[in-house]
Amino acid sequence: MFQMAHMAPTLAWAGQPRDDKNGATTKMESVSMRVVANLNICQGHARCEDLCPEIFSTDAIEGKVVIAQPEFPAELEEKVRIAVRNCPEGALRVAKGGKA
């Protein structure tokens, strides 16, 4: 009788190394990420601007969010996601690149 070793499947997410069919690590995939605002529900709390001023600012007249840079670099992803989660109205979301 022989034993088979249990092999867990390898999952690769965007931005993580992927294994090719021989098990070698290949270069990282780059998936463009962008932030999207729903101005109909934004109330201008400006938490997003406080948490990530590199991406978010506030309109001086209406007080609503202005996204200075919709597509953001990977090094800002954590800050952007924290800002999105902290929007009390849920007016922000992160989407994969392209049109949101």
C-alpha atoms as a PDB file:
ATOM      1  CA  MET A   1       0.000   0.000   0.000  1.00  0.00           C
ATOM      2  CA  PHE A   2       1.330   3.444  -0.824  1.00  0.00           C
ATOM      3  CA  GLN A   3       0.519   6.849   0.594  1.00  0.00           C
ATOM      4  CA  MET A   4      -0.314   9.845  -1.530  1.00  0.00           C
ATOM      5  CA  ALA A   5       0.992  13.154  -0.330  1.00  0.00           C
ATOM      6  CA  HIS A   6      -1.708  15.767   0.026  1.00  0.00           C
ATOM      7  CA  MET A   7      -0.940  18.734  -2.169  1.00  0.00           C
ATOM      8  CA  ALA A   8      -2.864  21.932  -1.552  1.00  0.00           C
ATOM      9  CA  PRO A   9      -3.807  23.844  -4.675  1.00  0.00           C
ATOM     10  CA  THR A  10      -1.838  26.998  -5.376  1.00  0.00           C
ATOM     11  CA  LEU A  11      -3.961  30.093  -5.628  1.00  0.00           C
ATOM     12  CA  ALA A  12      -2.666  33.234  -7.313  1.00  0.00           C
ATOM     13  CA  TRP A  13      -4.316  36.570  -6.837  1.00  0.00           C
ATOM     14  CA  ALA A  14      -3.610  39.737  -8.744  1.00  0.00           C
ATOM     15  CA  GLY A  15      -0.326  41.177  -7.564  1.00  0.00           C
ATOM     16  CA  GLN A  16       0.952  37.877  -6.157  1.00  0.00           C
ATOM     17  CA  PRO A  17       3.474  35.535  -7.764  1.00  0.00           C
ATOM     18  CA  ARG A  18       2.014  32.777  -9.879  1.00  0.00           C
ATOM     19  CA  ASP A  19       3.484  29.340 -10.351  1.00  0.00           C
ATOM     20  CA  ASP A  20       3.895  28.024 -13.864  1.00  0.00           C
ATOM     21  CA  LYS A  21       3.178  24.375 -14.728  1.00  0.00           C
ATOM     22  CA  ASN A  22       6.645  23.352 -13.510  1.00  0.00           C
ATOM     23  CA  GLY A  23       6.272  25.054 -10.137  1.00  0.00           C
ATOM     24  CA  ALA A  24       8.641  27.909 -10.909  1.00  0.00           C
ATOM     25  CA  THR A  25       7.668  31.347  -9.700  1.00  0.00           C
ATOM     26  CA  THR A  26       6.951  33.775 -12.500  1.00  0.00           C
ATOM     27  CA  LYS A  27       6.847  37.556 -12.493  1.00  0.00           C
ATOM     28  CA  MET A  28       4.056  39.298 -10.639  1.00  0.00           C
ATOM     29  CA  GLU A  29       0.859  40.203 -12.419  1.00  0.00           C
ATOM     30  CA  SER A  30       0.026  43.873 -12.426  1.00  0.00           C
ATOM     31  CA  VAL A  31      -3.646  44.703 -12.188  1.00  0.00           C
ATOM     32  CA  SER A  32      -4.563  48.348 -12.344  1.00  0.00           C
ATOM     33  CA  MET A  33      -6.778  49.467  -9.475  1.00  0.00           C
ATOM     34  CA  ARG A  34      -8.929  52.571  -9.343  1.00  0.00           C
ATOM     35  CA  VAL A  35     -11.129  54.269  -6.801  1.00  0.00           C
ATOM     36  CA  VAL A  36     -14.663  55.359  -7.659  1.00  0.00           C
ATOM     37  CA  ALA A  37     -16.927  57.791  -5.807  1.00  0.00           C
ATOM     38  CA  ASN A  38     -20.710  58.036  -5.842  1.00  0.00           C
ATOM     39  CA  LEU A  39     -21.245  61.791  -5.499  1.00  0.00           C
ATOM     40  CA  ASN A  40     -24.987  61.297  -5.045  1.00  0.00           C
ATOM     41  CA  ILE A  41     -24.433  59.824  -1.592  1.00  0.00           C
ATOM     42  CA  CYS A  42     -21.184  61.592  -0.548  1.00  0.00           C
ATOM     43  CA  GLN A  43     -21.914  63.949   2.354  1.00  0.00           C
ATOM     44  CA  GLY A  44     -18.473  65.563   2.516  1.00  0.00           C
ATOM     45  CA  HIS A  45     -17.224  64.127   5.807  1.00  0.00           C
ATOM     46  CA  ALA A  46     -13.699  64.216   4.281  1.00  0.00           C
ATOM     47  CA  ARG A  47     -12.451  61.158   6.177  1.00  0.00           C
ATOM     48  CA  CYS A  48     -11.012  59.877   2.907  1.00  0.00           C
ATOM     49  CA  GLU A  49      -8.969  63.062   2.499  1.00  0.00           C
ATOM     50  CA  ASP A  50      -7.728  62.842   6.084  1.00  0.00           C
ATOM     51  CA  LEU A  51      -6.625  59.229   5.619  1.00  0.00           C
ATOM     52  CA  CYS A  52      -5.205  59.404   2.083  1.00  0.00           C
ATOM     53  CA  PRO A  53      -4.571  62.976   0.868  1.00  0.00           C
ATOM     54  CA  GLU A  54      -2.467  61.658  -2.028  1.00  0.00           C
ATOM     55  CA  ILE A  55      -5.659  60.469  -3.751  1.00  0.00           C
ATOM     56  CA  PHE A  56      -8.607  62.316  -2.187  1.00  0.00           C
ATOM     57  CA  SER A  57      -9.447  65.963  -1.710  1.00  0.00           C
ATOM     58  CA  THR A  58     -12.636  67.932  -1.101  1.00  0.00           C
ATOM     59  CA  ASP A  59     -14.498  70.263  -3.446  1.00  0.00           C
ATOM     60  CA  ALA A  60     -14.348  73.797  -2.015  1.00  0.00           C
ATOM     61  CA  ILE A  61     -17.901  74.661  -3.092  1.00  0.00           C
ATOM     62  CA  GLU A  62     -19.981  71.522  -2.471  1.00  0.00           C
ATOM     63  CA  GLY A  63     -17.647  69.896   0.044  1.00  0.00           C
ATOM     64  CA  LYS A  64     -17.836  66.524  -1.705  1.00  0.00           C
ATOM     65  CA  VAL A  65     -14.970  64.182  -2.483  1.00  0.00           C
ATOM     66  CA  VAL A  66     -12.699  64.882  -5.444  1.00  0.00           C
ATOM     67  CA  ILE A  67     -10.521  62.019  -6.624  1.00  0.00           C
ATOM     68  CA  ALA A  68      -7.264  63.543  -7.779  1.00  0.00           C
ATOM     69  CA  GLN A  69      -5.841  60.279  -9.089  1.00  0.00           C
ATOM     70  CA  PRO A  70      -8.460  57.568  -9.821  1.00  0.00           C
ATOM     71  CA  GLU A  71      -5.854  54.923 -10.715  1.00  0.00           C
ATOM     72  CA  PHE A  72      -3.496  54.589  -7.804  1.00  0.00           C
ATOM     73  CA  PRO A  73      -0.109  52.896  -7.397  1.00  0.00           C
ATOM     74  CA  ALA A  74       0.207  49.644  -5.484  1.00  0.00           C
ATOM     75  CA  GLU A  75       2.120  51.302  -2.657  1.00  0.00           C
ATOM     76  CA  LEU A  76      -0.996  53.375  -1.830  1.00  0.00           C
ATOM     77  CA  GLU A  77      -3.478  50.498  -2.004  1.00  0.00           C
ATOM     78  CA  GLU A  78      -3.651  49.921   1.739  1.00  0.00           C
ATOM     79  CA  LYS A  79      -4.213  53.631   2.476  1.00  0.00           C
ATOM     80  CA  VAL A  80      -6.885  53.867  -0.232  1.00  0.00           C
ATOM     81  CA  ARG A  81      -8.701  50.778   1.083  1.00  0.00           C
ATOM     82  CA  ILE A  82      -8.647  52.163   4.639  1.00  0.00           C
ATOM     83  CA  ALA A  83     -10.104  55.453   3.370  1.00  0.00           C
ATOM     84  CA  VAL A  84     -12.804  53.587   1.417  1.00  0.00           C
ATOM     85  CA  ARG A  85     -13.759  51.499   4.469  1.00  0.00           C
ATOM     86  CA  ASN A  86     -13.945  54.623   6.629  1.00  0.00           C
ATOM     87  CA  CYS A  87     -16.447  56.472   4.439  1.00  0.00           C
ATOM     88  CA  PRO A  88     -19.524  56.709   6.695  1.00  0.00           C
ATOM     89  CA  GLU A  89     -21.868  56.926   3.701  1.00  0.00           C
ATOM     90  CA  GLY A  90     -20.260  54.101   1.703  1.00  0.00           C
ATOM     91  CA  ALA A  91     -19.742  56.467  -1.237  1.00  0.00           C
ATOM     92  CA  LEU A  92     -16.357  55.029  -2.236  1.00  0.00           C
ATOM     93  CA  ARG A  93     -15.276  51.736  -3.731  1.00  0.00           C
ATOM     94  CA  VAL A  94     -12.170  50.177  -5.262  1.00  0.00           C
ATOM     95  CA  ALA A  95     -12.490  48.575  -8.686  1.00  0.00           C
ATOM     96  CA  LYS A  96     -10.133  46.822 -11.061  1.00  0.00           C
ATOM     97  CA  GLY A  97      -8.759  49.123 -13.778  1.00  0.00           C
ATOM     98  CA  GLY A  98     -10.668  50.261 -16.820  1.00  0.00           C
ATOM     99  CA  LYS A  99     -14.083  51.846 -16.590  1.00  0.00           C
ATOM    100  CA  ALA A 100     -15.778  51.388 -13.256  1.00  0.00           C
END
